[in-house]
Every structure is written in structure tokens, then in C-alpha cells.
Amino acid sequence: QVQLVESGGGLVQPGGSLRLSCAATGLSLDRYAIGWFRQAPGKEREGVACFPSGKGGTYYADSVKGRFTISRDSAENTVYLEMISLKAEDTAVYYCATGVQAPAYYYCLGYGPMPNDYDYWGQGTQVTVSS
């Protein structure tokens, strides 16, 4: 059974930093596309970063480019999202997901992670940026 568990969310002041973790069981994150998504109240879920697979390459949405970094620890089967210079508009529930079908791999670098292409999701972790 595939399970993704996020952690690391919380309340942070504008300009602050957080590191989110996504630990996987039941599959190897190196083999499949991994995406980080977020959903703010009243808004659609948006993809913010992805790896197409363990072979390298990353995608970042323009809204987070230069501030967020996606990384992985293969030994721990865990993916991270390092977030710096946080803004109020980054407030959202953040989700990690993995896509085991071809579209998640092929579209990650060119178009970013699309929710419909991802098969397994974590429960989400709340990030609130506020003074």
C-alpha cells in the first residue's frame, strides 16, 4: 500500500523559512514523478514544483522560483520542499504526490505538475505566513 506523509508545516512570519518533508512507503520515489502542490482557501490546487523522476531536472512555478527548492533523500525515500522568503500569499495547505503513469513524467518539466496526472497523495500540511 502506497502512503505519503507530509510534515513540517506551521505558522511563520513573512520573510521566514520552512522545510516540508514527504516520506513515502510502498514505492520508491526515485522511480516516479514527484510533485508538490498547494491549495489556498477558495482556490484551485496548483503545482509548485516537481521532479519527473530520479534522473534529474526540476520544475518550479514562477510564483515560487528562486524561493522554493525541491530535493530528495533516496536513502530515506523522502522528498523535501525548502521554502525561504515566505510571503502571505504562500499560505495554503501543501501536498506532495507521486505520479506513476507517463503523463506525470513527461509533462513535469515542460508544464509543471498537474493534479490529474498524480496518483497518490499525502494528507497535506498547513503553511500559514502571517505576522
Foldseek 3Di string as FASTA:
>chain_A
DKAWAKDWADEAAQQAKIKMKIFIDDDQQQAWKKWKWWDDPPDDIDTAKMDLHNPDDMDGDPVQPPFWDWDDDRVRSMIMIIGGSDDQVVWTWMKMFTAPDDVSNPCCRPPNGDVVRTDYMHPTDTHGYHD
